[in-house]
Amino acid sequence: MTPVIDRVKRPSKQSASAKSTEAATGDARRDRWRKHRIARRAEFVEAALRALDTHGPDLGMEDVAAEAGVTKPVLYRHFDDKADLYLALGQRGTEILFQRLIPAINAELAPVPRIRMALDAFFTVIEEHPNLYRLLAHGGLQEKLAQSDVVAEDKQVIATALTALLGDYMRMFSMDSGAAEPWAHGIVGMVQNTGEWWLDRRSMSRDSVVEYLTQIIWAAIDGLTRQQGVAIDPNLPLEENKVVRLGRDQEQTDAG
């Protein structure tokens, strides 16, 4: 006959092992499900981008669902409401913009080609995704503006990074860097306003508007530096290449 003590202990050991295995299996399952939901949400955002191209800024959830090949209830499993989807679209738009803009701003080029490349990156993005830009800039996030204004946040991030970049260069040339912040915000505002005008009018090519803005921005830089007795060759790379990192939680410049 099996001793009573053995009959008591054995189930206890087996139970502990089973619980450990069950916990590990449960954690792995939850991790797979979390990754699946993240991937599905990203797929729906890409479908929303395509639907925007077809239906414009007034697209509805049914348009996104049709583009994704699912029903609206399935879509609502991944987004709280329409505003939540629009917010995700805004975040995706920021990723697209920064993916193009950061390499352009950080290119080790002469000043004028560097300005031109950065401007071309911005105008290329809004040309490829005009309805996304209109959606974010002119409405569509009204329900969540109290929590997030994607365009305003992006402008602030870019202006803050540009302030640091201009300030570094101004100090490098022994100039007063106090003007860097208003200058940066002025440039960002001018580029955004010109971009909105260009999307509405399309009275010139992207290359033309980029070139005009490049000339305007360089004329301001050249005029200011010459007033301080500093002459910069627009077609020669500067001795130091300042590097910008753009992000919602981090904006800084380093010497490259």
Protein backbone atom coordinates (compact mmCIF):
# COMPACT_ATOMS: atom_id res chain seq x y z
CA MET A 1 0.00 0.00 0.00
CA THR A 2 1.29 3.44 -0.85
CA PRO A 3 2.11 5.46 2.26
CA VAL A 4 -0.28 8.33 2.94
CA ILE A 5 2.54 10.86 2.89
CA ASP A 6 3.52 9.85 -0.66
CA ARG A 7 -0.04 10.10 -1.82
CA VAL A 8 -0.14 13.65 -0.44
CA LYS A 9 3.22 14.90 -1.78
CA ARG A 10 3.18 13.57 -5.32
CA PRO A 11 0.10 15.49 -6.47
CA SER A 12 1.57 18.62 -4.88
CA LYS A 13 4.78 18.38 -6.96
CA GLN A 14 2.92 17.61 -10.14
CA SER A 15 0.54 20.50 -9.51
CA ALA A 16 3.39 22.99 -9.07
CA SER A 17 5.03 21.82 -12.29
CA ALA A 18 1.76 21.99 -14.16
CA LYS A 19 1.10 25.49 -12.88
CA SER A 20 4.56 26.62 -13.96
CA THR A 21 4.06 25.18 -17.44
CA GLU A 22 0.59 26.68 -17.64
CA ALA A 23 1.92 30.11 -16.62
CA ALA A 24 4.71 29.98 -19.20
CA THR A 25 2.28 28.88 -21.88
CA GLY A 26 -0.13 31.63 -20.88
CA ASP A 27 2.60 34.30 -21.03
CA ALA A 28 3.71 33.12 -24.47
CA ARG A 29 0.12 33.11 -25.69
CA ARG A 30 -0.48 36.63 -24.40
CA ASP A 31 2.76 37.82 -26.00
CA ARG A 32 1.78 36.30 -29.36
CA TRP A 33 -1.68 37.83 -29.11
CA ARG A 34 -0.22 41.26 -28.27
CA LYS A 35 2.14 41.12 -31.25
CA HIS A 36 -0.73 39.97 -33.44
CA ARG A 37 -2.90 42.90 -32.38
CA ILE A 38 -0.05 45.37 -33.00
CA ALA A 39 0.54 43.91 -36.46
CA ARG A 40 -3.19 43.94 -37.30
CA ARG A 41 -3.56 47.53 -36.13
CA ALA A 42 -0.62 48.53 -38.35
CA GLU A 43 -2.24 46.73 -41.30
CA PHE A 44 -5.46 48.66 -40.74
CA VAL A 45 -3.58 51.97 -40.61
CA GLU A 46 -1.98 51.20 -43.98
CA ALA A 47 -5.43 50.31 -45.32
CA ALA A 48 -6.70 53.67 -44.02
CA LEU A 49 -3.89 55.43 -45.90
CA ARG A 50 -5.00 53.74 -49.12
CA ALA A 51 -8.64 54.57 -48.41
CA LEU A 52 -7.65 58.20 -47.89
CA ASP A 53 -6.21 58.29 -51.42
CA THR A 54 -9.54 57.09 -52.79
CA HIS A 55 -12.11 58.80 -50.58
CA GLY A 56 -10.32 61.89 -49.33
CA PRO A 57 -10.32 63.35 -45.80
CA ASP A 58 -14.04 62.60 -45.32
CA LEU A 59 -13.53 58.83 -45.39
CA GLY A 60 -15.58 56.75 -42.99
CA MET A 61 -14.82 53.63 -41.00
CA GLU A 62 -16.77 51.59 -43.57
CA ASP A 63 -14.33 52.78 -46.26
CA VAL A 64 -11.36 51.65 -44.20
CA ALA A 65 -13.00 48.32 -43.39
CA ALA A 66 -13.75 47.70 -47.08
CA GLU A 67 -10.16 48.52 -48.04
CA ALA A 68 -8.86 46.18 -45.33
CA GLY A 69 -11.28 43.42 -46.34
CA VAL A 70 -12.94 43.19 -42.93
CA THR A 71 -16.20 44.27 -41.32
CA LYS A 72 -16.58 47.41 -39.22
CA PRO A 73 -16.93 45.40 -35.97
CA VAL A 74 -13.53 43.82 -36.65
CA LEU A 75 -12.05 47.29 -37.15
CA TYR A 76 -13.56 48.50 -33.89
CA ARG A 77 -11.80 45.70 -32.03
CA HIS A 78 -8.53 47.52 -32.75
CA PHE A 79 -9.63 51.19 -32.54
CA ASP A 80 -11.82 52.80 -29.90
CA ASP A 81 -13.52 55.04 -32.43
CA LYS A 82 -12.92 57.04 -35.61
CA ALA A 83 -10.81 59.60 -33.76
CA ASP A 84 -8.56 56.82 -32.47
CA LEU A 85 -7.98 55.67 -36.06
CA TYR A 86 -7.25 59.23 -37.15
CA LEU A 87 -4.79 59.58 -34.28
CA ALA A 88 -3.03 56.41 -35.44
CA LEU A 89 -2.94 57.86 -38.96
CA GLY A 90 -1.31 60.98 -37.58
CA GLN A 91 1.34 58.95 -35.80
CA ARG A 92 2.00 57.03 -39.01
CA GLY A 93 2.27 60.31 -40.89
CA THR A 94 4.88 61.49 -38.41
CA GLU A 95 6.88 58.29 -38.94
CA ILE A 96 6.78 58.74 -42.72
CA LEU A 97 7.82 62.39 -42.50
CA PHE A 98 10.68 61.82 -40.07
CA GLN A 99 11.96 58.82 -42.05
CA ARG A 100 12.40 61.15 -45.03
CA LEU A 101 13.36 64.32 -43.19
CA ILE A 102 16.05 63.13 -40.78
CA PRO A 103 18.46 61.73 -43.45
CA ALA A 104 17.93 64.87 -45.53
CA ILE A 105 18.64 67.29 -42.66
CA ASN A 106 21.69 65.27 -41.62
CA ALA A 107 23.18 64.90 -45.10
CA GLU A 108 26.85 65.86 -45.15
CA LEU A 109 26.34 68.34 -47.96
CA ALA A 110 27.03 71.99 -48.63
CA PRO A 111 24.49 74.37 -47.02
CA VAL A 112 22.29 75.01 -50.07
CA PRO A 113 22.04 71.36 -51.24
CA ARG A 114 21.29 70.37 -47.65
CA ILE A 115 18.47 72.90 -47.38
CA ARG A 116 17.13 71.82 -50.76
CA MET A 117 17.16 68.13 -49.80
CA ALA A 118 15.32 68.76 -46.52
CA LEU A 119 12.65 70.82 -48.25
CA ASP A 120 12.28 68.24 -51.00
CA ALA A 121 11.76 65.53 -48.36
CA PHE A 122 8.88 67.47 -46.81
CA PHE A 123 7.22 68.34 -50.12
CA THR A 124 7.62 64.80 -51.40
CA VAL A 125 5.76 63.44 -48.37
CA ILE A 126 2.83 65.86 -48.66
CA GLU A 127 2.71 65.27 -52.43
CA GLU A 128 2.52 61.51 -51.92
CA HIS A 129 -0.01 61.77 -49.06
CA PRO A 130 -1.97 65.00 -49.70
CA ASN A 131 -5.20 63.77 -48.14
CA LEU A 132 -3.42 62.63 -45.00
CA TYR A 133 -1.88 66.07 -44.63
CA ARG A 134 -5.24 67.77 -45.23
CA LEU A 135 -6.91 65.45 -42.72
CA LEU A 136 -4.38 66.25 -40.00
CA ALA A 137 -3.96 69.95 -40.75
CA HIS A 138 -7.60 70.91 -41.35
CA GLY A 139 -9.64 68.66 -39.11
CA GLY A 140 -10.47 65.04 -38.54
CA LEU A 141 -8.86 64.97 -35.12
CA GLN A 142 -11.37 67.37 -33.63
CA GLU A 143 -12.62 64.84 -31.09
CA LYS A 144 -9.12 64.29 -29.73
CA LEU A 145 -7.52 67.69 -30.16
CA ALA A 146 -7.53 68.11 -26.39
CA GLN A 147 -5.29 65.06 -26.10
CA SER A 148 -3.21 65.34 -29.29
CA ASP A 149 -2.64 67.74 -32.17
CA VAL A 150 -0.26 65.80 -34.39
CA VAL A 151 0.62 68.64 -36.77
CA ALA A 152 1.32 71.08 -33.93
CA GLU A 153 3.41 68.49 -32.12
CA ASP A 154 5.45 67.76 -35.25
CA LYS A 155 6.00 71.47 -35.86
CA GLN A 156 7.24 71.89 -32.30
CA VAL A 157 9.59 68.90 -32.54
CA ILE A 158 11.06 70.08 -35.84
CA ALA A 159 11.36 73.70 -34.69
CA THR A 160 13.07 72.63 -31.46
CA ALA A 161 15.58 70.49 -33.34
CA LEU A 162 16.15 73.24 -35.90
CA THR A 163 16.71 75.75 -33.09
CA ALA A 164 19.48 73.56 -31.69
CA LEU A 165 20.99 73.06 -35.15
CA LEU A 166 21.02 76.77 -36.04
CA GLY A 167 22.26 77.68 -32.57
CA ASP A 168 25.19 75.28 -32.87
CA TYR A 169 26.22 76.74 -36.21
CA MET A 170 25.82 80.32 -35.03
CA ARG A 171 28.01 79.65 -32.00
CA MET A 172 30.51 77.90 -34.25
CA PHE A 173 30.85 81.17 -36.17
CA SER A 174 30.97 83.20 -32.92
CA MET A 175 27.56 84.71 -33.60
CA ASP A 176 24.77 85.51 -31.13
CA SER A 177 22.62 82.37 -31.09
CA GLY A 178 19.66 84.15 -29.48
CA ALA A 179 18.00 84.47 -32.87
CA ALA A 180 18.04 80.70 -33.46
CA GLU A 181 14.65 79.98 -31.86
CA PRO A 182 12.50 82.64 -33.56
CA TRP A 183 14.37 81.94 -36.79
CA ALA A 184 13.64 78.21 -36.55
CA HIS A 185 9.95 78.73 -35.82
CA GLY A 186 9.74 81.24 -38.66
CA ILE A 187 11.25 78.77 -41.13
CA VAL A 188 8.98 75.92 -40.02
CA GLY A 189 5.90 78.11 -40.22
CA MET A 190 6.84 79.43 -43.64
CA VAL A 191 7.45 75.95 -45.04
CA GLN A 192 4.19 74.59 -43.64
CA ASN A 193 2.11 77.52 -44.91
CA THR A 194 3.75 77.28 -48.32
CA GLY A 195 3.07 73.55 -48.36
CA GLU A 196 -0.64 74.06 -47.67
CA TRP A 197 -0.84 76.75 -50.36
CA TRP A 198 0.94 74.51 -52.85
CA LEU A 199 -1.33 71.52 -52.19
CA ASP A 200 -4.39 73.69 -52.80
CA ARG A 201 -3.11 75.54 -55.88
CA ARG A 202 -0.52 73.32 -57.57
CA SER A 203 0.40 76.33 -59.70
CA MET A 204 4.00 75.11 -60.00
CA SER A 205 5.96 71.88 -59.82
CA ARG A 206 7.36 70.45 -56.60
CA ASP A 207 10.89 71.13 -57.84
CA SER A 208 10.03 74.79 -58.45
CA VAL A 209 8.49 75.46 -55.05
CA VAL A 210 11.38 73.67 -53.36
CA GLU A 211 13.90 75.77 -55.29
CA TYR A 212 12.15 79.06 -54.47
CA LEU A 213 12.04 78.22 -50.77
CA THR A 214 15.68 77.11 -50.85
CA GLN A 215 16.68 80.49 -52.28
CA ILE A 216 14.58 82.40 -49.73
CA ILE A 217 15.98 80.49 -46.74
CA TRP A 218 19.56 80.71 -47.98
CA ALA A 219 19.20 84.45 -48.68
CA ALA A 220 18.17 84.96 -45.05
CA ILE A 221 21.10 82.88 -43.76
CA ASP A 222 23.60 84.54 -46.07
CA GLY A 223 22.35 88.04 -45.24
CA LEU A 224 22.53 87.48 -41.50
CA THR A 225 25.98 85.90 -41.52
CA ARG A 226 27.41 88.61 -43.78
CA GLN A 227 26.13 91.25 -41.37
CA GLN A 228 28.33 89.56 -38.77
CA GLY A 229 31.32 89.48 -41.09
CA VAL A 230 30.99 85.77 -41.86
CA ALA A 231 31.00 84.58 -45.47
CA ILE A 232 29.80 81.00 -46.08
CA ASP A 233 30.24 79.29 -49.42
CA PRO A 234 26.80 77.82 -50.20
CA ASN A 235 28.32 75.04 -52.31
CA LEU A 236 31.01 73.78 -49.93
CA PRO A 237 30.32 71.49 -46.94
CA LEU A 238 31.02 73.11 -43.58
CA GLU A 239 33.93 71.84 -41.51
CA GLU A 240 31.55 70.42 -38.89
CA ASN A 241 28.38 68.58 -39.74
CA LYS A 242 25.84 68.97 -36.96
CA VAL A 243 23.50 65.99 -36.66
CA VAL A 244 19.83 66.27 -35.69
CA ARG A 245 17.77 63.56 -34.01
CA LEU A 246 14.04 64.09 -34.29
CA GLY A 247 11.56 62.45 -31.96
CA ARG A 248 8.63 63.27 -29.72
CA ASP A 249 10.67 62.50 -26.61
CA GLN A 250 14.12 63.55 -27.79
CA GLU A 251 15.38 66.48 -29.80
CA GLN A 252 19.09 67.21 -29.78
CA THR A 253 22.08 67.87 -32.01
CA ASP A 254 25.55 66.36 -31.96
CA ALA A 255 28.74 67.26 -33.72
CA GLY A 256 29.36 64.80 -36.51
